[in-house]
Amino acid sequence: MKKIANKTKELVYINIDRIIFSNSNISQTKLDYLKNNFSFEKLEPVCAYFNGKGYILTDGNHRVKVLQELKHTNIPAVILTKDEYDFLAYSKVNTILFRVSIPEKIEILS
């Protein structure tokens, strides 16, 4: 189980073929580093939102690409709610810096 903003999230495995990439800026240098230092035991789960058709990544584009290249079919993931996804998407688009103080509050920094 992974704890996110005072909510316990279940760790699940999702099929890599159902992932929708949220970032097209994939660094070959980072991919090479991850491939050369890959350890499935130390792999952090990705964060994704299921939109009814596929899983939109909010975090983990490089990890998924590496697993695809290594011919893995599933990846550990934490599935976000629509509200959590919307908050993260809004934050990234508007470059809002935020800090989460668990469990008290979310502080928006300007």
PDB file of N, CA and C in Angstrom:
ATOM      1  N   MET A   1       0.831  -1.172   0.000  1.00  0.00           N
ATOM      2  CA  MET A   1       0.000   0.000   0.000  1.00  0.00           C
ATOM      3  C   MET A   1       0.882   1.245   0.000  1.00  0.00           C
ATOM      4  N   LYS A   2       0.482   2.246  -0.730  1.00  0.00           N
ATOM      5  CA  LYS A   2       1.207   3.505  -0.789  1.00  0.00           C
ATOM      6  C   LYS A   2       0.282   4.594  -0.268  1.00  0.00           C
ATOM      7  N   LYS A   3       0.798   5.451   0.591  1.00  0.00           N
ATOM      8  CA  LYS A   3      -0.011   6.505   1.193  1.00  0.00           C
ATOM      9  C   LYS A   3       0.149   7.781   0.374  1.00  0.00           C
ATOM     10  N   ILE A   4      -0.964   8.358  -0.069  1.00  0.00           N
ATOM     11  CA  ILE A   4      -0.936   9.594  -0.848  1.00  0.00           C
ATOM     12  C   ILE A   4      -1.919  10.561  -0.211  1.00  0.00           C
ATOM     13  N   ALA A   5      -1.407  11.713   0.205  1.00  0.00           N
ATOM     14  CA  ALA A   5      -2.245  12.797   0.732  1.00  0.00           C
ATOM     15  C   ALA A   5      -3.330  12.292   1.677  1.00  0.00           C
ATOM     16  N   ASN A   6      -2.916  11.540   2.667  1.00  0.00           N
ATOM     17  CA  ASN A   6      -3.796  11.058   3.726  1.00  0.00           C
ATOM     18  C   ASN A   6      -4.799  10.009   3.248  1.00  0.00           C
ATOM     19  N   LYS A   7      -4.563   9.413   2.108  1.00  0.00           N
ATOM     20  CA  LYS A   7      -5.416   8.343   1.616  1.00  0.00           C
ATOM     21  C   LYS A   7      -4.525   7.145   1.321  1.00  0.00           C
ATOM     22  N   THR A   8      -4.969   5.977   1.730  1.00  0.00           N
ATOM     23  CA  THR A   8      -4.214   4.779   1.416  1.00  0.00           C
ATOM     24  C   THR A   8      -4.648   4.304   0.034  1.00  0.00           C
ATOM     25  N   LYS A   9      -3.677   4.120  -0.841  1.00  0.00           N
ATOM     26  CA  LYS A   9      -3.951   3.688  -2.205  1.00  0.00           C
ATOM     27  C   LYS A   9      -3.459   2.265  -2.374  1.00  0.00           C
ATOM     28  N   GLU A  10      -4.258   1.471  -3.038  1.00  0.00           N
ATOM     29  CA  GLU A  10      -3.876   0.100  -3.307  1.00  0.00           C
ATOM     30  C   GLU A  10      -2.919   0.065  -4.493  1.00  0.00           C
ATOM     31  N   LEU A  11      -1.893  -0.744  -4.369  1.00  0.00           N
ATOM     32  CA  LEU A  11      -0.952  -0.940  -5.463  1.00  0.00           C
ATOM     33  C   LEU A  11      -1.521  -2.019  -6.378  1.00  0.00           C
ATOM     34  N   VAL A  12      -1.638  -1.704  -7.658  1.00  0.00           N
ATOM     35  CA  VAL A  12      -2.167  -2.657  -8.631  1.00  0.00           C
ATOM     36  C   VAL A  12      -1.156  -2.806  -9.769  1.00  0.00           C
ATOM     37  N   TYR A  13      -1.364  -3.812 -10.595  1.00  0.00           N
ATOM     38  CA  TYR A  13      -0.530  -3.982 -11.786  1.00  0.00           C
ATOM     39  C   TYR A  13      -1.410  -3.728 -12.997  1.00  0.00           C
ATOM     40  N   ILE A  14      -0.944  -2.837 -13.870  1.00  0.00           N
ATOM     41  CA  ILE A  14      -1.713  -2.539 -15.074  1.00  0.00           C
ATOM     42  C   ILE A  14      -0.917  -2.964 -16.301  1.00  0.00           C
ATOM     43  N   ASN A  15      -1.659  -3.302 -17.355  1.00  0.00           N
ATOM     44  CA  ASN A  15      -1.052  -3.725 -18.604  1.00  0.00           C
ATOM     45  C   ASN A  15      -0.450  -2.510 -19.303  1.00  0.00           C
ATOM     46  N   ILE A  16       0.794  -2.616 -19.661  1.00  0.00           N
ATOM     47  CA  ILE A  16       1.515  -1.509 -20.300  1.00  0.00           C
ATOM     48  C   ILE A  16       0.849  -1.080 -21.612  1.00  0.00           C
ATOM     49  N   ASP A  17       0.216  -2.011 -22.315  1.00  0.00           N
ATOM     50  CA  ASP A  17      -0.440  -1.676 -23.581  1.00  0.00           C
ATOM     51  C   ASP A  17      -1.632  -0.742 -23.392  1.00  0.00           C
ATOM     52  N   ARG A  18      -2.142  -0.608 -22.169  1.00  0.00           N
ATOM     53  CA  ARG A  18      -3.306   0.245 -21.908  1.00  0.00           C
ATOM     54  C   ARG A  18      -2.912   1.638 -21.416  1.00  0.00           C
ATOM     55  N   ILE A  19      -1.604   1.934 -21.433  1.00  0.00           N
ATOM     56  CA  ILE A  19      -1.113   3.213 -20.919  1.00  0.00           C
ATOM     57  C   ILE A  19      -1.124   4.281 -22.015  1.00  0.00           C
ATOM     58  N   ILE A  20      -1.589   5.463 -21.612  1.00  0.00           N
ATOM     59  CA  ILE A  20      -1.581   6.647 -22.483  1.00  0.00           C
ATOM     60  C   ILE A  20      -0.515   7.586 -21.913  1.00  0.00           C
ATOM     61  N   PHE A  21       0.506   7.876 -22.699  1.00  0.00           N
ATOM     62  CA  PHE A  21       1.597   8.709 -22.216  1.00  0.00           C
ATOM     63  C   PHE A  21       1.174  10.164 -22.118  1.00  0.00           C
ATOM     64  N   SER A  22       1.520  10.791 -20.997  1.00  0.00           N
ATOM     65  CA  SER A  22       1.157  12.191 -20.782  1.00  0.00           C
ATOM     66  C   SER A  22       2.284  13.143 -21.139  1.00  0.00           C
ATOM     67  N   ASN A  23       3.429  12.593 -21.466  1.00  0.00           N
ATOM     68  CA  ASN A  23       4.592  13.439 -21.743  1.00  0.00           C
ATOM     69  C   ASN A  23       5.341  12.849 -22.928  1.00  0.00           C
ATOM     70  N   SER A  24       5.526  13.639 -23.965  1.00  0.00           N
ATOM     71  CA  SER A  24       6.250  13.148 -25.139  1.00  0.00           C
ATOM     72  C   SER A  24       7.746  13.451 -25.054  1.00  0.00           C
ATOM     73  N   ASN A  25       8.172  14.137 -24.012  1.00  0.00           N
ATOM     74  CA  ASN A  25       9.594  14.471 -23.842  1.00  0.00           C
ATOM     75  C   ASN A  25      10.310  13.342 -23.114  1.00  0.00           C
ATOM     76  N   ILE A  26      10.650  12.307 -23.855  1.00  0.00           N
ATOM     77  CA  ILE A  26      11.350  11.165 -23.283  1.00  0.00           C
ATOM     78  C   ILE A  26      12.838  11.348 -23.546  1.00  0.00           C
ATOM     79  N   SER A  27      13.616  11.350 -22.475  1.00  0.00           N
ATOM     80  CA  SER A  27      15.061  11.536 -22.573  1.00  0.00           C
ATOM     81  C   SER A  27      15.755  10.192 -22.791  1.00  0.00           C
ATOM     82  N   GLN A  28      16.485  10.080 -23.903  1.00  0.00           N
ATOM     83  CA  GLN A  28      17.210   8.845 -24.183  1.00  0.00           C
ATOM     84  C   GLN A  28      18.284   8.593 -23.126  1.00  0.00           C
ATOM     85  N   THR A  29      18.896   9.643 -22.627  1.00  0.00           N
ATOM     86  CA  THR A  29      19.908   9.506 -21.580  1.00  0.00           C
ATOM     87  C   THR A  29      19.304   8.885 -20.325  1.00  0.00           C
ATOM     88  N   LYS A  30      18.134   9.379 -19.932  1.00  0.00           N
ATOM     89  CA  LYS A  30      17.470   8.824 -18.752  1.00  0.00           C
ATOM     90  C   LYS A  30      17.030   7.382 -18.998  1.00  0.00           C
ATOM     91  N   LEU A  31      16.527   7.090 -20.204  1.00  0.00           N
ATOM     92  CA  LEU A  31      16.138   5.717 -20.536  1.00  0.00           C
ATOM     93  C   LEU A  31      17.331   4.778 -20.433  1.00  0.00           C
ATOM     94  N   ASP A  32      18.465   5.191 -20.991  1.00  0.00           N
ATOM     95  CA  ASP A  32      19.672   4.361 -20.939  1.00  0.00           C
ATOM     96  C   ASP A  32      20.111   4.110 -19.505  1.00  0.00           C
ATOM     97  N   TYR A  33      20.069   5.169 -18.685  1.00  0.00           N
ATOM     98  CA  TYR A  33      20.448   5.024 -17.279  1.00  0.00           C
ATOM     99  C   TYR A  33      19.526   4.030 -16.570  1.00  0.00           C
ATOM    100  N   LEU A  34      18.222   4.200 -16.755  1.00  0.00           N
ATOM    101  CA  LEU A  34      17.268   3.306 -16.098  1.00  0.00           C
ATOM    102  C   LEU A  34      17.435   1.863 -16.564  1.00  0.00           C
ATOM    103  N   LYS A  35      17.650   1.679 -17.869  1.00  0.00           N
ATOM    104  CA  LYS A  35      17.848   0.325 -18.403  1.00  0.00           C
ATOM    105  C   LYS A  35      19.085  -0.337 -17.810  1.00  0.00           C
ATOM    106  N   ASN A  36      20.170   0.425 -17.727  1.00  0.00           N
ATOM    107  CA  ASN A  36      21.432  -0.120 -17.214  1.00  0.00           C
ATOM    108  C   ASN A  36      21.413  -0.366 -15.716  1.00  0.00           C
ATOM    109  N   ASN A  37      20.500   0.269 -15.000  1.00  0.00           N
ATOM    110  CA  ASN A  37      20.412   0.132 -13.548  1.00  0.00           C
ATOM    111  C   ASN A  37      19.064  -0.429 -13.114  1.00  0.00           C
ATOM    112  N   PHE A  38      18.417  -1.168 -14.007  1.00  0.00           N
ATOM    113  CA  PHE A  38      17.071  -1.647 -13.748  1.00  0.00           C
ATOM    114  C   PHE A  38      17.040  -2.729 -12.671  1.00  0.00           C
ATOM    115  N   SER A  39      16.083  -2.568 -11.773  1.00  0.00           N
ATOM    116  CA  SER A  39      15.811  -3.584 -10.761  1.00  0.00           C
ATOM    117  C   SER A  39      14.310  -3.596 -10.520  1.00  0.00           C
ATOM    118  N   PHE A  40      13.636  -4.680 -10.888  1.00  0.00           N
ATOM    119  CA  PHE A  40      12.187  -4.739 -10.727  1.00  0.00           C
ATOM    120  C   PHE A  40      11.802  -4.632  -9.256  1.00  0.00           C
ATOM    121  N   GLU A  41      12.645  -5.134  -8.360  1.00  0.00           N
ATOM    122  CA  GLU A  41      12.374  -5.073  -6.922  1.00  0.00           C
ATOM    123  C   GLU A  41      12.381  -3.639  -6.399  1.00  0.00           C
ATOM    124  N   LYS A  42      13.154  -2.758  -7.025  1.00  0.00           N
ATOM    125  CA  LYS A  42      13.257  -1.365  -6.577  1.00  0.00           C
ATOM    126  C   LYS A  42      12.409  -0.413  -7.415  1.00  0.00           C
ATOM    127  N   LEU A  43      11.616  -0.953  -8.321  1.00  0.00           N
ATOM    128  CA  LEU A  43      10.820  -0.133  -9.227  1.00  0.00           C
ATOM    129  C   LEU A  43       9.695   0.568  -8.469  1.00  0.00           C
ATOM    130  N   GLU A  44       9.674   1.885  -8.532  1.00  0.00           N
ATOM    131  CA  GLU A  44       8.607   2.677  -7.917  1.00  0.00           C
ATOM    132  C   GLU A  44       7.356   2.559  -8.794  1.00  0.00           C
ATOM    133  N   PRO A  45       6.183   2.487  -8.193  1.00  0.00           N
ATOM    134  CA  PRO A  45       4.969   2.426  -9.017  1.00  0.00           C
ATOM    135  C   PRO A  45       4.730   3.741  -9.747  1.00  0.00           C
ATOM    136  N   VAL A  46       4.085   3.652 -10.894  1.00  0.00           N
ATOM    137  CA  VAL A  46       3.681   4.851 -11.627  1.00  0.00           C
ATOM    138  C   VAL A  46       2.356   5.333 -11.054  1.00  0.00           C
ATOM    139  N   CYS A  47       1.998   6.571 -11.362  1.00  0.00           N
ATOM    140  CA  CYS A  47       0.695   7.113 -10.986  1.00  0.00           C
ATOM    141  C   CYS A  47      -0.098   7.317 -12.265  1.00  0.00           C
ATOM    142  N   ALA A  48      -1.356   6.868 -12.242  1.00  0.00           N
ATOM    143  CA  ALA A  48      -2.166   6.960 -13.445  1.00  0.00           C
ATOM    144  C   ALA A  48      -3.633   7.158 -13.094  1.00  0.00           C
ATOM    145  N   TYR A  49      -4.351   7.685 -14.064  1.00  0.00           N
ATOM    146  CA  TYR A  49      -5.799   7.865 -13.943  1.00  0.00           C
ATOM    147  C   TYR A  49      -6.462   7.068 -15.057  1.00  0.00           C
ATOM    148  N   PHE A  50      -7.452   6.248 -14.718  1.00  0.00           N
ATOM    149  CA  PHE A  50      -8.172   5.479 -15.730  1.00  0.00           C
ATOM    150  C   PHE A  50      -9.320   6.316 -16.275  1.00  0.00           C
ATOM    151  N   ASN A  51      -9.273   6.626 -17.573  1.00  0.00           N
ATOM    152  CA  ASN A  51     -10.281   7.507 -18.180  1.00  0.00           C
ATOM    153  C   ASN A  51     -11.390   6.731 -18.893  1.00  0.00           C
ATOM    154  N   GLY A  52     -11.454   5.430 -18.675  1.00  0.00           N
ATOM    155  CA  GLY A  52     -12.464   4.601 -19.323  1.00  0.00           C
ATOM    156  C   GLY A  52     -11.932   3.867 -20.545  1.00  0.00           C
ATOM    157  N   LYS A  53     -10.843   4.378 -21.114  1.00  0.00           N
ATOM    158  CA  LYS A  53     -10.232   3.752 -22.295  1.00  0.00           C
ATOM    159  C   LYS A  53      -8.832   3.233 -21.994  1.00  0.00           C
ATOM    160  N   GLY A  54      -8.110   3.989 -21.182  1.00  0.00           N
ATOM    161  CA  GLY A  54      -6.743   3.615 -20.853  1.00  0.00           C
ATOM    162  C   GLY A  54      -6.289   4.355 -19.612  1.00  0.00           C
ATOM    163  N   TYR A  55      -5.044   4.128 -19.240  1.00  0.00           N
ATOM    164  CA  TYR A  55      -4.474   4.745 -18.050  1.00  0.00           C
ATOM    165  C   TYR A  55      -3.583   5.905 -18.463  1.00  0.00           C
ATOM    166  N   ILE A  56      -3.972   7.120 -18.079  1.00  0.00           N
ATOM    167  CA  ILE A  56      -3.186   8.312 -18.386  1.00  0.00           C
ATOM    168  C   ILE A  56      -2.134   8.474 -17.291  1.00  0.00           C
ATOM    169  N   LEU A  57      -0.886   8.478 -17.686  1.00  0.00           N
ATOM    170  CA  LEU A  57       0.200   8.618 -16.707  1.00  0.00           C
ATOM    171  C   LEU A  57       0.322  10.051 -16.221  1.00  0.00           C
ATOM    172  N   THR A  58       0.493  10.213 -14.926  1.00  0.00           N
ATOM    173  CA  THR A  58       0.862  11.509 -14.380  1.00  0.00           C
ATOM    174  C   THR A  58       2.315  11.478 -13.940  1.00  0.00           C
ATOM    175  N   ASP A  59       2.850  10.273 -13.810  1.00  0.00           N
ATOM    176  CA  ASP A  59       4.223  10.081 -13.369  1.00  0.00           C
ATOM    177  C   ASP A  59       4.655   8.699 -13.824  1.00  0.00           C
ATOM    178  N   GLY A  60       5.840   8.612 -14.453  1.00  0.00           N
ATOM    179  CA  GLY A  60       6.374   7.296 -14.775  1.00  0.00           C
ATOM    180  C   GLY A  60       6.588   6.995 -16.247  1.00  0.00           C
ATOM    181  N   ASN A  61       6.598   8.022 -17.103  1.00  0.00           N
ATOM    182  CA  ASN A  61       6.772   7.793 -18.538  1.00  0.00           C
ATOM    183  C   ASN A  61       8.047   7.008 -18.856  1.00  0.00           C
ATOM    184  N   HIS A  62       9.153   7.387 -18.248  1.00  0.00           N
ATOM    185  CA  HIS A  62      10.424   6.714 -18.518  1.00  0.00           C
ATOM    186  C   HIS A  62      10.410   5.275 -18.017  1.00  0.00           C
ATOM    187  N   ARG A  63       9.837   5.040 -16.847  1.00  0.00           N
ATOM    188  CA  ARG A  63       9.772   3.672 -16.310  1.00  0.00           C
ATOM    189  C   ARG A  63       8.971   2.755 -17.218  1.00  0.00           C
ATOM    190  N   VAL A  64       7.871   3.267 -17.754  1.00  0.00           N
ATOM    191  CA  VAL A  64       7.046   2.457 -18.656  1.00  0.00           C
ATOM    192  C   VAL A  64       7.810   2.158 -19.940  1.00  0.00           C
ATOM    193  N   LYS A  65       8.466   3.154 -20.517  1.00  0.00           N
ATOM    194  CA  LYS A  65       9.242   2.952 -21.746  1.00  0.00           C
ATOM    195  C   LYS A  65      10.331   1.893 -21.542  1.00  0.00           C
ATOM    196  N   VAL A  66      11.010   1.951 -20.393  1.00  0.00           N
ATOM    197  CA  VAL A  66      12.058   0.967 -20.101  1.00  0.00           C
ATOM    198  C   VAL A  66      11.452  -0.431 -20.010  1.00  0.00           C
ATOM    199  N   LEU A  67      10.338  -0.555 -19.310  1.00  0.00           N
ATOM    200  CA  LEU A  67       9.704  -1.862 -19.192  1.00  0.00           C
ATOM    201  C   LEU A  67       9.239  -2.378 -20.547  1.00  0.00           C
ATOM    202  N   GLN A  68       8.750  -1.483 -21.410  1.00  0.00           N
ATOM    203  CA  GLN A  68       8.372  -1.890 -22.762  1.00  0.00           C
ATOM    204  C   GLN A  68       9.579  -2.448 -23.512  1.00  0.00           C
ATOM    205  N   GLU A  69      10.702  -1.736 -23.417  1.00  0.00           N
ATOM    206  CA  GLU A  69      11.916  -2.173 -24.110  1.00  0.00           C
ATOM    207  C   GLU A  69      12.446  -3.494 -23.553  1.00  0.00           C
ATOM    208  N   LEU A  70      12.207  -3.731 -22.259  1.00  0.00           N
ATOM    209  CA  LEU A  70      12.648  -4.983 -21.626  1.00  0.00           C
ATOM    210  C   LEU A  70      11.604  -6.093 -21.766  1.00  0.00           C
ATOM    211  N   LYS A  71      10.533  -5.812 -22.531  1.00  0.00           N
ATOM    212  CA  LYS A  71       9.482  -6.781 -22.862  1.00  0.00           C
ATOM    213  C   LYS A  71       8.618  -7.208 -21.671  1.00  0.00           C
ATOM    214  N   HIS A  72       8.466  -6.323 -20.671  1.00  0.00           N
ATOM    215  CA  HIS A  72       7.532  -6.588 -19.576  1.00  0.00           C
ATOM    216  C   HIS A  72       6.136  -6.183 -20.039  1.00  0.00           C
ATOM    217  N   THR A  73       5.130  -6.825 -19.491  1.00  0.00           N
ATOM    218  CA  THR A  73       3.761  -6.525 -19.920  1.00  0.00           C
ATOM    219  C   THR A  73       2.969  -5.743 -18.875  1.00  0.00           C
ATOM    220  N   ASN A  74       3.392  -5.776 -17.616  1.00  0.00           N
ATOM    221  CA  ASN A  74       2.669  -5.095 -16.544  1.00  0.00           C
ATOM    222  C   ASN A  74       3.605  -4.205 -15.745  1.00  0.00           C
ATOM    223  N   ILE A  75       3.015  -3.203 -15.095  1.00  0.00           N
ATOM    224  CA  ILE A  75       3.793  -2.299 -14.250  1.00  0.00           C
ATOM    225  C   ILE A  75       2.984  -1.995 -12.993  1.00  0.00           C
ATOM    226  N   PRO A  76       3.672  -1.897 -11.838  1.00  0.00           N
ATOM    227  CA  PRO A  76       2.943  -1.520 -10.625  1.00  0.00           C
ATOM    228  C   PRO A  76       2.475  -0.075 -10.731  1.00  0.00           C
ATOM    229  N   ALA A  77       1.260   0.173 -10.222  1.00  0.00           N
ATOM    230  CA  ALA A  77       0.677   1.509 -10.359  1.00  0.00           C
ATOM    231  C   ALA A  77      -0.211   1.844  -9.172  1.00  0.00           C
ATOM    232  N   VAL A  78      -0.309   3.137  -8.951  1.00  0.00           N
ATOM    233  CA  VAL A  78      -1.273   3.700  -8.019  1.00  0.00           C
ATOM    234  C   VAL A  78      -2.289   4.429  -8.890  1.00  0.00           C
ATOM    235  N   ILE A  79      -3.556   4.075  -8.735  1.00  0.00           N
ATOM    236  CA  ILE A  79      -4.601   4.665  -9.566  1.00  0.00           C
ATOM    237  C   ILE A  79      -5.200   5.866  -8.839  1.00  0.00           C
ATOM    238  N   LEU A  80      -5.200   6.997  -9.528  1.00  0.00           N
ATOM    239  CA  LEU A  80      -5.709   8.243  -8.968  1.00  0.00           C
ATOM    240  C   LEU A  80      -7.199   8.397  -9.236  1.00  0.00           C
ATOM    241  N   THR A  81      -7.863   9.126  -8.354  1.00  0.00           N
ATOM    242  CA  THR A  81      -9.254   9.496  -8.604  1.00  0.00           C
ATOM    243  C   THR A  81      -9.270  10.629  -9.614  1.00  0.00           C
ATOM    244  N   LYS A  82     -10.449  10.954 -10.128  1.00  0.00           N
ATOM    245  CA  LYS A  82     -10.593  12.070 -11.075  1.00  0.00           C
ATOM    246  C   LYS A  82     -10.155  13.385 -10.432  1.00  0.00           C
ATOM    247  N   ASP A  83     -10.530  13.613  -9.176  1.00  0.00           N
ATOM    248  CA  ASP A  83     -10.130  14.844  -8.483  1.00  0.00           C
ATOM    249  C   ASP A  83      -8.623  14.931  -8.314  1.00  0.00           C
ATOM    250  N   GLU A  84      -7.980  13.831  -7.953  1.00  0.00           N
ATOM    251  CA  GLU A  84      -6.525  13.827  -7.792  1.00  0.00           C
ATOM    252  C   GLU A  84      -5.840  14.091  -9.132  1.00  0.00           C
ATOM    253  N   TYR A  85      -6.346  13.458 -10.191  1.00  0.00           N
ATOM    254  CA  TYR A  85      -5.771  13.650 -11.518  1.00  0.00           C
ATOM    255  C   TYR A  85      -5.932  15.098 -11.976  1.00  0.00           C
ATOM    256  N   ASP A  86      -7.146  15.641 -11.800  1.00  0.00           N
ATOM    257  CA  ASP A  86      -7.397  17.025 -12.204  1.00  0.00           C
ATOM    258  C   ASP A  86      -6.484  17.993 -11.465  1.00  0.00           C
ATOM    259  N   PHE A  87      -6.273  17.763 -10.180  1.00  0.00           N
ATOM    260  CA  PHE A  87      -5.405  18.640  -9.395  1.00  0.00           C
ATOM    261  C   PHE A  87      -3.975  18.599  -9.921  1.00  0.00           C
ATOM    262  N   LEU A  88      -3.468  17.391 -10.165  1.00  0.00           N
ATOM    263  CA  LEU A  88      -2.100  17.269 -10.677  1.00  0.00           C
ATOM    264  C   LEU A  88      -1.967  17.866 -12.071  1.00  0.00           C
ATOM    265  N   ALA A  89      -2.945  17.624 -12.934  1.00  0.00           N
ATOM    266  CA  ALA A  89      -2.901  18.166 -14.294  1.00  0.00           C
ATOM    267  C   ALA A  89      -2.934  19.687 -14.255  1.00  0.00           C
ATOM    268  N   TYR A  90      -3.796  20.261 -13.435  1.00  0.00           N
ATOM    269  CA  TYR A  90      -3.884  21.720 -13.305  1.00  0.00           C
ATOM    270  C   TYR A  90      -2.572  22.284 -12.771  1.00  0.00           C
ATOM    271  N   SER A  91      -2.003  21.626 -11.800  1.00  0.00           N
ATOM    272  CA  SER A  91      -0.753  22.095 -11.191  1.00  0.00           C
ATOM    273  C   SER A  91       0.383  22.121 -12.193  1.00  0.00           C
ATOM    274  N   LYS A  92       0.483  21.079 -13.023  1.00  0.00           N
ATOM    275  CA  LYS A  92       1.568  21.010 -14.003  1.00  0.00           C
ATOM    276  C   LYS A  92       1.389  22.047 -15.102  1.00  0.00           C
ATOM    277  N   VAL A  93       0.165  22.199 -15.594  1.00  0.00           N
ATOM    278  CA  VAL A  93      -0.102  23.141 -16.677  1.00  0.00           C
ATOM    279  C   VAL A  93       0.154  24.567 -16.226  1.00  0.00           C
ATOM    280  N   ASN A  94      -0.204  24.881 -15.008  1.00  0.00           N
ATOM    281  CA  ASN A  94      -0.084  26.248 -14.504  1.00  0.00           C
ATOM    282  C   ASN A  94       1.169  26.458 -13.659  1.00  0.00           C
ATOM    283  N   THR A  95       2.059  25.516 -13.687  1.00  0.00           N
ATOM    284  CA  THR A  95       3.326  25.560 -12.947  1.00  0.00           C
ATOM    285  C   THR A  95       3.157  26.053 -11.515  1.00  0.00           C
ATOM    286  N   ILE A  96       2.155  25.534 -10.850  1.00  0.00           N
ATOM    287  CA  ILE A  96       1.958  25.839  -9.430  1.00  0.00           C
ATOM    288  C   ILE A  96       2.848  24.908  -8.632  1.00  0.00           C
ATOM    289  N   LEU A  97       3.609  25.469  -7.750  1.00  0.00           N
ATOM    290  CA  LEU A  97       4.406  24.656  -6.845  1.00  0.00           C
ATOM    291  C   LEU A  97       3.567  24.387  -5.613  1.00  0.00           C
ATOM    292  N   PHE A  98       3.523  23.150  -5.182  1.00  0.00           N
ATOM    293  CA  PHE A  98       2.737  22.851  -4.000  1.00  0.00           C
ATOM    294  C   PHE A  98       3.496  21.893  -3.093  1.00  0.00           C
ATOM    295  N   ARG A  99       3.158  21.970  -1.832  1.00  0.00           N
ATOM    296  CA  ARG A  99       3.765  21.082  -0.847  1.00  0.00           C
ATOM    297  C   ARG A  99       2.619  20.460  -0.058  1.00  0.00           C
ATOM    298  N   VAL A 100       2.646  19.158   0.084  1.00  0.00           N
ATOM    299  CA  VAL A 100       1.600  18.474   0.827  1.00  0.00           C
ATOM    300  C   VAL A 100       2.118  18.167   2.219  1.00  0.00           C
ATOM    301  N   SER A 101       1.376  18.625   3.194  1.00  0.00           N
ATOM    302  CA  SER A 101       1.688  18.318   4.585  1.00  0.00           C
ATOM    303  C   SER A 101       0.650  17.301   5.035  1.00  0.00           C
ATOM    304  N   ILE A 102       1.065  16.079   5.166  1.00  0.00           N
ATOM    305  CA  ILE A 102       0.132  14.995   5.479  1.00  0.00           C
ATOM    306  C   ILE A 102      -0.023  14.896   6.983  1.00  0.00           C
ATOM    307  N   PRO A 103      -1.225  14.825   7.527  1.00  0.00           N
ATOM    308  CA  PRO A 103      -2.512  14.890   6.868  1.00  0.00           C
ATOM    309  C   PRO A 103      -3.155  16.265   6.950  1.00  0.00           C
ATOM    310  N   GLU A 104      -2.470  17.251   7.473  1.00  0.00           N
ATOM    311  CA  GLU A 104      -3.118  18.517   7.812  1.00  0.00           C
ATOM    312  C   GLU A 104      -3.673  19.300   6.631  1.00  0.00           C
ATOM    313  N   LYS A 105      -2.829  19.667   5.660  1.00  0.00           N
ATOM    314  CA  LYS A 105      -3.324  20.576   4.626  1.00  0.00           C
ATOM    315  C   LYS A 105      -2.437  20.527   3.397  1.00  0.00           C
ATOM    316  N   ILE A 106      -2.922  21.126   2.336  1.00  0.00           N
ATOM    317  CA  ILE A 106      -2.127  21.344   1.131  1.00  0.00           C
ATOM    318  C   ILE A 106      -1.847  22.832   1.064  1.00  0.00           C
ATOM    319  N   GLU A 107      -0.571  23.179   0.968  1.00  0.00           N
ATOM    320  CA  GLU A 107      -0.185  24.579   0.940  1.00  0.00           C
ATOM    321  C   GLU A 107       0.229  24.954  -0.471  1.00  0.00           C
ATOM    322  N   ILE A 108      -0.419  25.934  -1.048  1.00  0.00           N
ATOM    323  CA  ILE A 108      -0.066  26.418  -2.372  1.00  0.00           C
ATOM    324  C   ILE A 108       0.992  27.501  -2.236  1.00  0.00           C
ATOM    325  N   LEU A 109       2.106  27.311  -2.919  1.00  0.00           N
ATOM    326  CA  LEU A 109       3.196  28.282  -2.874  1.00  0.00           C
ATOM    327  C   LEU A 109       3.172  29.113  -4.143  1.00  0.00           C
ATOM    328  N   SER A 110       3.351  30.400  -4.018  1.00  0.00           N
ATOM    329  CA  SER A 110       3.360  31.242  -5.214  1.00  0.00           C
ATOM    330  C   SER A 110       4.743  31.753  -5.501  1.00  0.00           C
TER     331      SER A 110
END
